[in-house]
Protein backbone atom coordinates (compact mmCIF):
# COMPACT_ATOMS: atom_id res chain seq x y z
CA UNK A 1 119.98 78.82 118.01
CA UNK A 2 118.93 82.43 117.39
CA UNK A 3 118.24 83.86 113.97
CA UNK A 4 118.82 87.47 113.09
CA UNK A 5 117.24 88.91 109.96
CA UNK A 6 118.59 92.13 108.52
CA UNK A 7 116.56 94.18 106.06
CA UNK A 8 118.44 96.59 103.84
CA UNK A 9 116.82 99.14 101.59
CA UNK A 10 118.53 99.56 98.24
CA UNK A 11 118.08 102.44 95.80
CA UNK A 12 116.57 101.14 92.56
CA UNK A 13 118.41 103.85 90.60
CA UNK A 14 121.99 103.42 91.72
CA UNK A 15 122.04 100.32 93.94
CA UNK A 16 123.26 102.19 97.01
CA UNK A 17 122.09 101.19 100.47
CA UNK A 18 119.53 103.59 101.92
CA UNK A 19 118.99 104.80 105.46
CA UNK A 20 115.60 106.15 104.37
CA UNK A 21 113.69 104.83 101.37
CA UNK A 22 111.04 106.74 99.43
CA UNK A 23 108.68 104.91 97.10
CA UNK A 24 107.95 107.08 94.08
CA UNK A 25 104.69 106.24 92.33
CA UNK A 26 103.66 107.75 89.02
CA UNK A 27 101.45 107.01 86.06
CA UNK A 28 102.10 107.23 82.36
CA UNK A 29 99.84 106.26 79.46
CA UNK A 30 97.39 104.44 81.70
CA UNK A 31 99.98 102.41 83.61
CA UNK A 32 101.16 102.88 87.19
CA UNK A 33 104.85 102.62 87.99
CA UNK A 34 106.85 102.80 91.18
CA UNK A 35 110.44 102.67 92.31
CA UNK A 36 112.26 102.91 95.63
CA UNK A 37 114.93 105.53 95.97
CA UNK A 38 116.55 108.09 98.25
CA UNK A 39 114.79 111.32 99.23
CA UNK A 40 117.35 113.20 97.09
CA UNK A 41 116.56 111.15 93.98
CA UNK A 42 112.81 111.50 94.67
CA UNK A 43 113.31 115.27 94.78
CA UNK A 44 115.25 115.20 91.48
CA UNK A 45 112.45 113.17 89.90
CA UNK A 46 109.79 115.60 91.14
CA UNK A 47 111.78 118.59 89.91
CA UNK A 48 112.16 117.00 86.48
CA UNK A 49 108.35 116.75 86.23
CA UNK A 50 107.53 120.30 87.35
CA UNK A 51 107.09 121.81 83.88
CA UNK A 52 104.71 119.00 82.96
CA UNK A 53 102.78 119.11 86.23
CA UNK A 54 102.36 122.86 85.84
CA UNK A 55 100.30 122.37 82.67
CA UNK A 56 98.58 119.11 83.66
CA UNK A 57 95.25 118.35 85.25
CA UNK A 58 94.37 115.41 87.47
CA UNK A 59 92.69 112.69 85.42
CA UNK A 60 89.83 111.03 87.26
CA UNK A 61 89.06 108.39 84.65
CA UNK A 62 85.51 107.44 83.69
CA UNK A 63 84.23 107.54 87.24
CA UNK A 64 83.70 103.78 87.38
CA UNK A 65 86.98 103.12 89.12
CA UNK A 66 87.45 103.43 92.84
CA UNK A 67 89.82 106.26 93.76
CA UNK A 68 93.38 105.10 94.27
CA UNK A 69 94.62 104.90 97.84
CA UNK A 70 98.12 105.78 96.62
CA UNK A 71 99.37 109.31 96.98
CA UNK A 72 99.79 111.48 93.90
CA UNK A 73 103.46 111.70 92.83
CA UNK A 74 103.47 115.45 93.50
CA UNK A 75 102.18 114.85 97.04
CA UNK A 76 104.91 112.28 97.62
CA UNK A 77 107.50 114.69 96.29
CA UNK A 78 106.27 117.44 98.60
CA UNK A 79 106.38 115.10 101.62
CA UNK A 80 109.92 113.94 100.72
CA UNK A 81 111.09 117.52 100.21
CA UNK A 82 109.50 118.63 103.49
CA UNK A 83 111.24 115.87 105.47
CA UNK A 84 114.58 116.69 103.83
CA UNK A 85 114.13 120.32 104.79
CA UNK A 86 113.21 119.84 108.44
CA UNK A 87 109.43 120.06 108.30
CA UNK A 88 107.36 117.66 110.39
CA UNK A 89 104.82 116.06 108.10
CA UNK A 90 102.59 113.00 108.41
CA UNK A 91 102.51 110.17 105.89
CA UNK A 92 98.82 110.80 105.18
CA UNK A 93 96.31 113.60 105.16
CA UNK A 94 96.29 117.17 104.00
CA UNK A 95 99.60 118.98 103.53
CA UNK A 96 99.62 122.48 105.01
CA UNK A 97 99.57 125.39 102.59
CA UNK A 98 102.77 126.68 104.26
CA UNK A 99 104.67 123.51 103.27
CA UNK A 100 103.22 123.49 99.73
CA UNK A 101 104.19 127.15 99.26
CA UNK A 102 107.73 126.51 100.57
CA UNK A 103 108.06 123.50 98.23
CA UNK A 104 106.88 125.48 95.22
CA UNK A 105 109.27 128.33 96.05
CA UNK A 106 112.18 125.89 96.34
CA UNK A 107 111.66 123.95 93.10
């Protein structure tokens, strides 16, 4: 007998089934959080943070911790926006200044 397993991605915000899932990771008050959502919801989340990101600095901690391997929420938002808007972008590495500029102009 054959077994078929089906994996479905579900949006943590509204429960809808997703064709493409984006994991949004962010930190607040020393805790890391994450949720899985659609690229559109990830974009909304990133846009809602823009006024705070504009006046924030990256906190590196005391220097005793190893750097996190997780992408910064802004980086994830840029990658999600770029994919939604037809840019080819890798999951890792430096984001081109052209894509960053286009993202900043759009949000």
